[in-house]
All heavy atoms as atom14 arrays in JSON, in Angstrom:
{
  "sequence": "APLHYYPAGSYGPAESDELLARDGFHWWFDSKPEQAAEEKEF",
  "atom14_mask": [
    [1, 1, 1, 1, 1, 0, 0, 0, 0, 0, 0, 0, 0, 0],
    [1, 1, 1, 1, 1, 1, 1, 0, 0, 0, 0, 0, 0, 0],
    [1, 1, 1, 1, 1, 1, 1, 1, 0, 0, 0, 0, 0, 0],
    [1, 1, 1, 1, 1, 1, 1, 1, 1, 1, 0, 0, 0, 0],
    [1, 1, 1, 1, 1, 1, 1, 1, 1, 1, 1, 1, 0, 0],
    [1, 1, 1, 1, 1, 1, 1, 1, 1, 1, 1, 1, 0, 0],
    [1, 1, 1, 1, 1, 1, 1, 0, 0, 0, 0, 0, 0, 0],
    [1, 1, 1, 1, 1, 0, 0, 0, 0, 0, 0, 0, 0, 0],
    [1, 1, 1, 1, 0, 0, 0, 0, 0, 0, 0, 0, 0, 0],
    [1, 1, 1, 1, 1, 1, 0, 0, 0, 0, 0, 0, 0, 0],
    [1, 1, 1, 1, 1, 1, 1, 1, 1, 1, 1, 1, 0, 0],
    [1, 1, 1, 1, 0, 0, 0, 0, 0, 0, 0, 0, 0, 0],
    [1, 1, 1, 1, 1, 1, 1, 0, 0, 0, 0, 0, 0, 0],
    [1, 1, 1, 1, 1, 0, 0, 0, 0, 0, 0, 0, 0, 0],
    [1, 1, 1, 1, 1, 1, 1, 1, 1, 0, 0, 0, 0, 0],
    [1, 1, 1, 1, 1, 1, 0, 0, 0, 0, 0, 0, 0, 0],
    [1, 1, 1, 1, 1, 1, 1, 1, 0, 0, 0, 0, 0, 0],
    [1, 1, 1, 1, 1, 1, 1, 1, 1, 0, 0, 0, 0, 0],
    [1, 1, 1, 1, 1, 1, 1, 1, 0, 0, 0, 0, 0, 0],
    [1, 1, 1, 1, 1, 1, 1, 1, 0, 0, 0, 0, 0, 0],
    [1, 1, 1, 1, 1, 0, 0, 0, 0, 0, 0, 0, 0, 0],
    [1, 1, 1, 1, 1, 1, 1, 1, 1, 1, 1, 0, 0, 0],
    [1, 1, 1, 1, 1, 1, 1, 1, 0, 0, 0, 0, 0, 0],
    [1, 1, 1, 1, 0, 0, 0, 0, 0, 0, 0, 0, 0, 0],
    [1, 1, 1, 1, 1, 1, 1, 1, 1, 1, 1, 0, 0, 0],
    [1, 1, 1, 1, 1, 1, 1, 1, 1, 1, 0, 0, 0, 0],
    [1, 1, 1, 1, 1, 1, 1, 1, 1, 1, 1, 1, 1, 1],
    [1, 1, 1, 1, 1, 1, 1, 1, 1, 1, 1, 1, 1, 1],
    [1, 1, 1, 1, 1, 1, 1, 1, 1, 1, 1, 0, 0, 0],
    [1, 1, 1, 1, 1, 1, 1, 1, 0, 0, 0, 0, 0, 0],
    [1, 1, 1, 1, 1, 1, 0, 0, 0, 0, 0, 0, 0, 0],
    [1, 1, 1, 1, 1, 1, 1, 1, 1, 0, 0, 0, 0, 0],
    [1, 1, 1, 1, 1, 1, 1, 0, 0, 0, 0, 0, 0, 0],
    [1, 1, 1, 1, 1, 1, 1, 1, 1, 0, 0, 0, 0, 0],
    [1, 1, 1, 1, 1, 1, 1, 1, 1, 0, 0, 0, 0, 0],
    [1, 1, 1, 1, 1, 0, 0, 0, 0, 0, 0, 0, 0, 0],
    [1, 1, 1, 1, 1, 0, 0, 0, 0, 0, 0, 0, 0, 0],
    [1, 1, 1, 1, 1, 1, 1, 1, 1, 0, 0, 0, 0, 0],
    [1, 1, 1, 1, 1, 1, 1, 1, 1, 0, 0, 0, 0, 0],
    [1, 1, 1, 1, 1, 1, 1, 1, 1, 0, 0, 0, 0, 0],
    [1, 1, 1, 1, 1, 1, 1, 1, 1, 0, 0, 0, 0, 0],
    [1, 1, 1, 1, 1, 1, 1, 1, 1, 1, 1, 0, 0, 0]
  ],
  "atom14_positions": [
    [[111.19, -48.24, -133.85], [110.35, -47.04, -133.76], [109.98, -46.86, -132.3], [109.41, -47.76, -131.68], [109.09, -47.2, -134.61], [0.0, 0.0, 0.0], [0.0, 0.0, 0.0], [0.0, 0.0, 0.0], [0.0, 0.0, 0.0], [0.0, 0.0, 0.0], [0.0, 0.0, 0.0], [0.0, 0.0, 0.0], [0.0, 0.0, 0.0], [0.0, 0.0, 0.0]],
    [[110.31, -45.73, -131.7], [110.08, -45.55, -130.27], [108.59, -45.53, -129.93], [107.75, -45.14, -130.75], [110.73, -44.19, -129.99], [110.74, -43.48, -131.3], [110.92, -44.54, -132.33], [0.0, 0.0, 0.0], [0.0, 0.0, 0.0], [0.0, 0.0, 0.0], [0.0, 0.0, 0.0], [0.0, 0.0, 0.0], [0.0, 0.0, 0.0], [0.0, 0.0, 0.0]],
    [[108.28, -45.94, -128.71], [106.91, -45.89, -128.21], [106.74, -44.58, -127.45], [107.44, -44.31, -126.47], [106.62, -47.07, -127.28], [105.21, -47.14, -126.69], [104.18, -47.39, -127.79], [105.13, -48.25, -125.64], [0.0, 0.0, 0.0], [0.0, 0.0, 0.0], [0.0, 0.0, 0.0], [0.0, 0.0, 0.0], [0.0, 0.0, 0.0], [0.0, 0.0, 0.0]],
    [[105.81, -43.74, -127.91], [105.54, -42.46, -127.27], [104.3, -42.59, -126.39], [103.47, -43.47, -126.59], [105.33, -41.38, -128.34], [106.47, -41.24, -129.29], [107.66, -40.63, -128.97], [106.61, -41.65, -130.59], [108.48, -40.65, -130.0], [107.86, -41.27, -131.0], [0.0, 0.0, 0.0], [0.0, 0.0, 0.0], [0.0, 0.0, 0.0], [0.0, 0.0, 0.0]],
    [[104.18, -41.7, -125.45], [103.08, -41.78, -124.5], [102.2, -40.53, -124.6], [102.67, -39.45, -124.94], [103.61, -41.95, -123.08], [104.37, -43.23, -122.91], [105.77, -43.26, -123.06], [103.72, -44.43, -122.63], [106.48, -44.44, -122.92], [104.42, -45.62, -122.5], [105.8, -45.62, -122.65], [106.49, -46.79, -122.53], [0.0, 0.0, 0.0], [0.0, 0.0, 0.0]],
    [[100.92, -40.72, -124.32], [99.98, -39.61, -124.35], [98.96, -39.79, -123.24], [98.58, -40.92, -122.9], [99.27, -39.51, -125.7], [98.43, -40.71, -126.09], [97.04, -40.69, -125.91], [98.99, -41.85, -126.64], [96.25, -41.78, -126.27], [98.22, -42.93, -127.02], [96.85, -42.89, -126.83], [96.07, -43.98, -127.19], [0.0, 0.0, 0.0], [0.0, 0.0, 0.0]],
    [[98.54, -38.7, -122.62], [97.54, -38.82, -121.56], [96.17, -39.14, -122.13], [95.78, -38.64, -123.19], [97.54, -37.42, -120.9], [98.01, -36.51, -121.98], [98.98, -37.3, -122.81], [0.0, 0.0, 0.0], [0.0, 0.0, 0.0], [0.0, 0.0, 0.0], [0.0, 0.0, 0.0], [0.0, 0.0, 0.0], [0.0, 0.0, 0.0], [0.0, 0.0, 0.0]],
    [[95.43, -40.0, -121.45], [94.06, -40.29, -121.86], [93.28, -38.98, -121.91], [93.44, -38.11, -121.05], [93.42, -41.27, -120.89], [0.0, 0.0, 0.0], [0.0, 0.0, 0.0], [0.0, 0.0, 0.0], [0.0, 0.0, 0.0], [0.0, 0.0, 0.0], [0.0, 0.0, 0.0], [0.0, 0.0, 0.0], [0.0, 0.0, 0.0], [0.0, 0.0, 0.0]],
    [[92.44, -38.84, -122.92], [91.67, -37.63, -123.08], [92.35, -36.59, -123.95], [91.85, -35.47, -124.08], [0.0, 0.0, 0.0], [0.0, 0.0, 0.0], [0.0, 0.0, 0.0], [0.0, 0.0, 0.0], [0.0, 0.0, 0.0], [0.0, 0.0, 0.0], [0.0, 0.0, 0.0], [0.0, 0.0, 0.0], [0.0, 0.0, 0.0], [0.0, 0.0, 0.0]],
    [[93.47, -36.94, -124.57], [94.17, -36.03, -125.47], [93.97, -36.49, -126.9], [93.21, -37.41, -127.18], [95.66, -35.98, -125.12], [96.29, -37.21, -125.45], [0.0, 0.0, 0.0], [0.0, 0.0, 0.0], [0.0, 0.0, 0.0], [0.0, 0.0, 0.0], [0.0, 0.0, 0.0], [0.0, 0.0, 0.0], [0.0, 0.0, 0.0], [0.0, 0.0, 0.0]],
    [[94.7, -35.84, -127.83], [94.62, -36.23, -129.24], [95.8, -37.09, -129.67], [96.08, -37.21, -130.85], [94.54, -34.98, -130.12], [93.21, -34.26, -130.01], [93.09, -33.11, -129.25], [92.07, -34.75, -130.65], [91.87, -32.44, -129.15], [90.85, -34.11, -130.55], [90.75, -32.95, -129.79], [89.55, -32.31, -129.68], [0.0, 0.0, 0.0], [0.0, 0.0, 0.0]],
    [[96.47, -37.69, -128.69], [97.61, -38.54, -129.01], [98.92, -37.87, -128.66], [98.97, -36.74, -128.17], [0.0, 0.0, 0.0], [0.0, 0.0, 0.0], [0.0, 0.0, 0.0], [0.0, 0.0, 0.0], [0.0, 0.0, 0.0], [0.0, 0.0, 0.0], [0.0, 0.0, 0.0], [0.0, 0.0, 0.0], [0.0, 0.0, 0.0], [0.0, 0.0, 0.0]],
    [[100.03, -38.56, -128.91], [101.34, -38.0, -128.57], [101.68, -36.77, -129.4], [101.22, -36.62, -130.54], [102.3, -39.15, -128.86], [101.56, -40.11, -129.72], [100.11, -39.92, -129.48], [0.0, 0.0, 0.0], [0.0, 0.0, 0.0], [0.0, 0.0, 0.0], [0.0, 0.0, 0.0], [0.0, 0.0, 0.0], [0.0, 0.0, 0.0], [0.0, 0.0, 0.0]],
    [[102.51, -35.9, -128.82], [102.92, -34.66, -129.51], [103.64, -34.97, -130.81], [103.58, -34.18, -131.76], [103.79, -33.83, -128.58], [0.0, 0.0, 0.0], [0.0, 0.0, 0.0], [0.0, 0.0, 0.0], [0.0, 0.0, 0.0], [0.0, 0.0, 0.0], [0.0, 0.0, 0.0], [0.0, 0.0, 0.0], [0.0, 0.0, 0.0], [0.0, 0.0, 0.0]],
    [[104.31, -36.1, -130.87], [105.04, -36.47, -132.08], [104.12, -36.65, -133.28], [104.54, -36.52, -134.43], [105.84, -37.77, -131.83], [107.03, -37.62, -130.9], [106.65, -37.55, -129.44], [105.45, -37.76, -129.13], [107.54, -37.3, -128.61], [0.0, 0.0, 0.0], [0.0, 0.0, 0.0], [0.0, 0.0, 0.0], [0.0, 0.0, 0.0], [0.0, 0.0, 0.0]],
    [[102.84, -36.96, -133.02], [101.86, -37.05, -134.1], [101.65, -35.69, -134.75], [101.5, -35.6, -135.98], [100.54, -37.59, -133.55], [99.5, -37.48, -134.5], [0.0, 0.0, 0.0], [0.0, 0.0, 0.0], [0.0, 0.0, 0.0], [0.0, 0.0, 0.0], [0.0, 0.0, 0.0], [0.0, 0.0, 0.0], [0.0, 0.0, 0.0], [0.0, 0.0, 0.0]],
    [[101.62, -34.64, -133.95], [101.5, -33.28, -134.5], [102.74, -32.91, -135.3], [102.66, -32.27, -136.35], [101.27, -32.27, -133.38], [100.0, -32.55, -132.61], [98.98, -32.88, -133.24], [100.02, -32.43, -131.37], [0.0, 0.0, 0.0], [0.0, 0.0, 0.0], [0.0, 0.0, 0.0], [0.0, 0.0, 0.0], [0.0, 0.0, 0.0], [0.0, 0.0, 0.0]],
    [[103.89, -33.31, -134.8], [105.15, -32.99, -135.47], [105.24, -33.67, -136.84], [105.87, -33.15, -137.76], [106.33, -33.4, -134.6], [106.41, -32.61, -133.29], [107.41, -33.2, -132.31], [108.13, -34.16, -132.71], [107.47, -32.73, -131.17], [0.0, 0.0, 0.0], [0.0, 0.0, 0.0], [0.0, 0.0, 0.0], [0.0, 0.0, 0.0], [0.0, 0.0, 0.0]],
    [[104.6, -34.84, -136.98], [104.63, -35.56, -138.24], [104.05, -34.71, -139.36], [104.58, -34.69, -140.48], [103.82, -36.86, -138.1], [103.73, -37.79, -139.32], [105.09, -38.39, -139.63], [102.7, -38.89, -139.08], [0.0, 0.0, 0.0], [0.0, 0.0, 0.0], [0.0, 0.0, 0.0], [0.0, 0.0, 0.0], [0.0, 0.0, 0.0], [0.0, 0.0, 0.0]],
    [[102.99, -33.97, -139.06], [102.38, -33.08, -140.05], [103.1, -31.74, -140.13], [103.22, -31.17, -141.22], [100.9, -32.84, -139.74], [99.91, -33.9, -140.23], [100.07, -35.2, -139.46], [98.48, -33.4, -140.13], [0.0, 0.0, 0.0], [0.0, 0.0, 0.0], [0.0, 0.0, 0.0], [0.0, 0.0, 0.0], [0.0, 0.0, 0.0], [0.0, 0.0, 0.0]],
    [[103.56, -31.25, -138.99], [104.21, -29.94, -138.95], [105.44, -29.9, -139.84], [105.77, -28.85, -140.42], [104.57, -29.58, -137.52], [0.0, 0.0, 0.0], [0.0, 0.0, 0.0], [0.0, 0.0, 0.0], [0.0, 0.0, 0.0], [0.0, 0.0, 0.0], [0.0, 0.0, 0.0], [0.0, 0.0, 0.0], [0.0, 0.0, 0.0], [0.0, 0.0, 0.0]],
    [[106.12, -31.04, -139.99], [107.31, -31.09, -140.86], [106.96, -30.73, -142.3], [107.8, -30.25, -143.06], [107.94, -32.49, -140.81], [108.58, -32.85, -139.49], [109.56, -34.0, -139.65], [108.93, -35.23, -140.07], [108.58, -36.22, -139.25], [108.78, -36.09, -137.95], [108.04, -37.32, -139.71], [0.0, 0.0, 0.0], [0.0, 0.0, 0.0], [0.0, 0.0, 0.0]],
    [[105.7, -30.99, -142.7], [105.26, -30.69, -144.06], [104.47, -29.38, -144.13], [103.91, -29.05, -145.18], [104.39, -31.83, -144.6], [105.16, -33.14, -144.68], [106.38, -33.11, -144.9], [104.51, -34.21, -144.52], [0.0, 0.0, 0.0], [0.0, 0.0, 0.0], [0.0, 0.0, 0.0], [0.0, 0.0, 0.0], [0.0, 0.0, 0.0], [0.0, 0.0, 0.0]],
    [[104.39, -28.68, -143.0], [103.66, -27.42, -142.99], [102.16, -27.56, -142.78], [101.39, -26.64, -143.07], [0.0, 0.0, 0.0], [0.0, 0.0, 0.0], [0.0, 0.0, 0.0], [0.0, 0.0, 0.0], [0.0, 0.0, 0.0], [0.0, 0.0, 0.0], [0.0, 0.0, 0.0], [0.0, 0.0, 0.0], [0.0, 0.0, 0.0], [0.0, 0.0, 0.0]],
    [[101.71, -28.71, -142.24], [100.28, -28.95, -142.02], [100.0, -29.2, -140.54], [100.92, -29.27, -139.72], [99.81, -30.16, -142.84], [100.06, -30.04, -144.32], [100.85, -30.96, -145.0], [99.49, -29.0, -145.04], [101.09, -30.84, -146.36], [99.71, -28.87, -146.41], [100.51, -29.79, -147.07], [0.0, 0.0, 0.0], [0.0, 0.0, 0.0], [0.0, 0.0, 0.0]],
    [[98.74, -29.34, -140.21], [98.34, -29.71, -138.85], [97.05, -30.51, -138.93], [96.31, -30.46, -139.92], [98.14, -28.46, -137.98], [97.04, -27.55, -138.45], [95.72, -27.76, -138.12], [97.06, -26.44, -139.24], [94.97, -26.83, -138.67], [95.75, -26.0, -139.37], [0.0, 0.0, 0.0], [0.0, 0.0, 0.0], [0.0, 0.0, 0.0], [0.0, 0.0, 0.0]],
    [[96.79, -31.27, -137.87], [95.55, -32.03, -137.81], [94.38, -31.08, -137.66], [94.41, -30.17, -136.82], [95.55, -33.0, -136.61], [96.54, -34.12, -136.7], [97.69, -34.25, -135.98], [96.44, -35.28, -137.53], [98.32, -35.42, -136.32], [97.58, -36.09, -137.26], [95.51, -35.73, -138.47], [97.81, -37.29, -137.9], [95.75, -36.94, -139.11], [96.88, -37.71, -138.83]],
    [[93.34, -31.3, -138.43], [92.16, -30.45, -138.35], [91.2, -30.94, -137.28], [91.11, -32.14, -137.0], [91.44, -30.4, -139.69], [92.16, -29.56, -140.7], [93.01, -29.98, -141.68], [92.13, -28.13, -140.79], [93.51, -28.92, -142.38], [92.99, -27.75, -141.86], [91.48, -27.13, -140.07], [93.19, -26.44, -142.23], [91.68, -25.81, -140.45], [92.53, -25.47, -141.52]],
    [[90.51, -30.0, -136.66], [89.42, -30.26, -135.71], [89.88, -30.95, -134.43], [89.13, -31.68, -133.81], [88.29, -31.06, -136.36], [87.8, -30.45, -137.64], [88.01, -31.07, -138.87], [87.13, -29.24, -137.62], [87.57, -30.49, -140.04], [86.68, -28.67, -138.79], [86.9, -29.29, -140.0], [0.0, 0.0, 0.0], [0.0, 0.0, 0.0], [0.0, 0.0, 0.0]],
    [[91.12, -30.7, -134.03], [91.58, -31.26, -132.76], [91.05, -30.46, -131.57], [91.16, -30.91, -130.45], [93.11, -31.32, -132.71], [93.63, -32.62, -133.28], [92.82, -33.38, -133.82], [94.84, -32.89, -133.18], [0.0, 0.0, 0.0], [0.0, 0.0, 0.0], [0.0, 0.0, 0.0], [0.0, 0.0, 0.0], [0.0, 0.0, 0.0], [0.0, 0.0, 0.0]],
    [[90.52, -29.31, -131.82], [89.8, -28.57, -130.79], [88.42, -28.28, -131.35], [88.3, -27.83, -132.48], [90.52, -27.26, -130.46], [91.77, -27.51, -129.86], [0.0, 0.0, 0.0], [0.0, 0.0, 0.0], [0.0, 0.0, 0.0], [0.0, 0.0, 0.0], [0.0, 0.0, 0.0], [0.0, 0.0, 0.0], [0.0, 0.0, 0.0], [0.0, 0.0, 0.0]],
    [[87.41, -28.54, -130.57], [86.06, -28.31, -131.05], [85.87, -26.84, -131.4], [86.17, -25.97, -130.59], [85.03, -28.74, -130.01], [84.96, -30.25, -129.84], [83.84, -30.65, -128.93], [83.74, -32.17, -128.84], [82.64, -32.59, -127.96], [0.0, 0.0, 0.0], [0.0, 0.0, 0.0], [0.0, 0.0, 0.0], [0.0, 0.0, 0.0], [0.0, 0.0, 0.0]],
    [[85.39, -26.54, -132.58], [85.24, -25.14, -132.99], [84.21, -24.42, -132.13], [83.22, -24.99, -131.72], [84.77, -25.25, -134.45], [84.14, -26.59, -134.54], [84.92, -27.48, -133.6], [0.0, 0.0, 0.0], [0.0, 0.0, 0.0], [0.0, 0.0, 0.0], [0.0, 0.0, 0.0], [0.0, 0.0, 0.0], [0.0, 0.0, 0.0], [0.0, 0.0, 0.0]],
    [[84.47, -23.17, -131.85], [83.51, -22.34, -131.11], [82.26, -22.12, -131.98], [82.35, -21.92, -133.18], [84.14, -21.0, -130.77], [85.35, -21.1, -129.84], [84.95, -21.57, -128.46], [83.8, -21.27, -128.06], [85.77, -22.21, -127.81], [0.0, 0.0, 0.0], [0.0, 0.0, 0.0], [0.0, 0.0, 0.0], [0.0, 0.0, 0.0], [0.0, 0.0, 0.0]],
    [[81.15, -22.18, -131.37], [79.89, -21.95, -132.09], [79.64, -20.44, -132.18], [78.77, -19.89, -131.51], [78.74, -22.67, -131.39], [78.91, -24.17, -131.31], [79.0, -24.79, -132.7], [78.23, -24.45, -133.57], [79.94, -25.68, -132.88], [0.0, 0.0, 0.0], [0.0, 0.0, 0.0], [0.0, 0.0, 0.0], [0.0, 0.0, 0.0], [0.0, 0.0, 0.0]],
    [[80.46, -19.77, -132.98], [80.37, -18.32, -133.1], [79.06, -17.92, -133.77], [78.61, -18.54, -134.72], [81.56, -17.8, -133.9], [0.0, 0.0, 0.0], [0.0, 0.0, 0.0], [0.0, 0.0, 0.0], [0.0, 0.0, 0.0], [0.0, 0.0, 0.0], [0.0, 0.0, 0.0], [0.0, 0.0, 0.0], [0.0, 0.0, 0.0], [0.0, 0.0, 0.0]],
    [[78.47, -16.83, -133.27], [77.17, -16.39, -133.78], [77.25, -15.97, -135.23], [76.3, -16.11, -135.99], [76.66, -15.23, -132.92], [0.0, 0.0, 0.0], [0.0, 0.0, 0.0], [0.0, 0.0, 0.0], [0.0, 0.0, 0.0], [0.0, 0.0, 0.0], [0.0, 0.0, 0.0], [0.0, 0.0, 0.0], [0.0, 0.0, 0.0], [0.0, 0.0, 0.0]],
    [[78.43, -15.46, -135.62], [78.55, -14.96, -136.99], [78.87, -16.06, -138.01], [78.96, -15.8, -139.2], [79.64, -13.88, -137.07], [81.07, -14.39, -136.79], [81.39, -14.37, -135.31], [80.46, -14.2, -134.5], [82.58, -14.53, -134.98], [0.0, 0.0, 0.0], [0.0, 0.0, 0.0], [0.0, 0.0, 0.0], [0.0, 0.0, 0.0], [0.0, 0.0, 0.0]],
    [[79.03, -17.3, -137.54], [79.36, -18.38, -138.47], [78.2, -18.62, -139.41], [77.05, -18.71, -139.01], [79.67, -19.66, -137.7], [80.04, -20.82, -138.62], [80.24, -22.11, -137.84], [79.51, -22.33, -136.87], [81.11, -22.87, -138.23], [0.0, 0.0, 0.0], [0.0, 0.0, 0.0], [0.0, 0.0, 0.0], [0.0, 0.0, 0.0], [0.0, 0.0, 0.0]],
    [[78.5, -18.69, -140.68], [77.46, -18.92, -141.69], [77.41, -20.41, -142.0], [78.34, -20.97, -142.53], [77.78, -18.13, -142.97], [77.68, -16.63, -142.78], [78.07, -15.96, -144.07], [77.73, -14.49, -144.06], [78.25, -13.78, -142.92], [0.0, 0.0, 0.0], [0.0, 0.0, 0.0], [0.0, 0.0, 0.0], [0.0, 0.0, 0.0], [0.0, 0.0, 0.0]],
    [[76.32, -21.04, -141.67], [76.19, -22.47, -141.94], [74.87, -22.75, -142.63], [73.82, -22.35, -142.14], [76.29, -23.29, -140.65], [76.21, -24.78, -140.91], [76.54, -25.57, -139.65], [77.17, -24.98, -138.77], [76.16, -26.73, -139.58], [0.0, 0.0, 0.0], [0.0, 0.0, 0.0], [0.0, 0.0, 0.0], [0.0, 0.0, 0.0], [0.0, 0.0, 0.0]],
    [[74.96, -23.35, -143.77], [73.77, -23.71, -144.52], [73.66, -25.23, -144.5], [74.5, -25.91, -145.07], [73.87, -23.2, -145.97], [74.06, -21.72, -146.06], [75.35, -21.2, -146.15], [73.0, -20.86, -146.06], [75.57, -19.84, -146.23], [73.21, -19.5, -146.14], [74.47, -18.98, -146.22], [0.0, 0.0, 0.0], [0.0, 0.0, 0.0], [0.0, 0.0, 0.0]]
  ]
}
């Protein structure tokens, strides 16, 4: 299994994203959500 590299401060190697993309999914919350004023949070 090849060793992939990722820069410190990232969410890991790009191949990690591809692992989910093959099944039509993606990692959730890899970018902090914008605190939009219209967001409804209870």
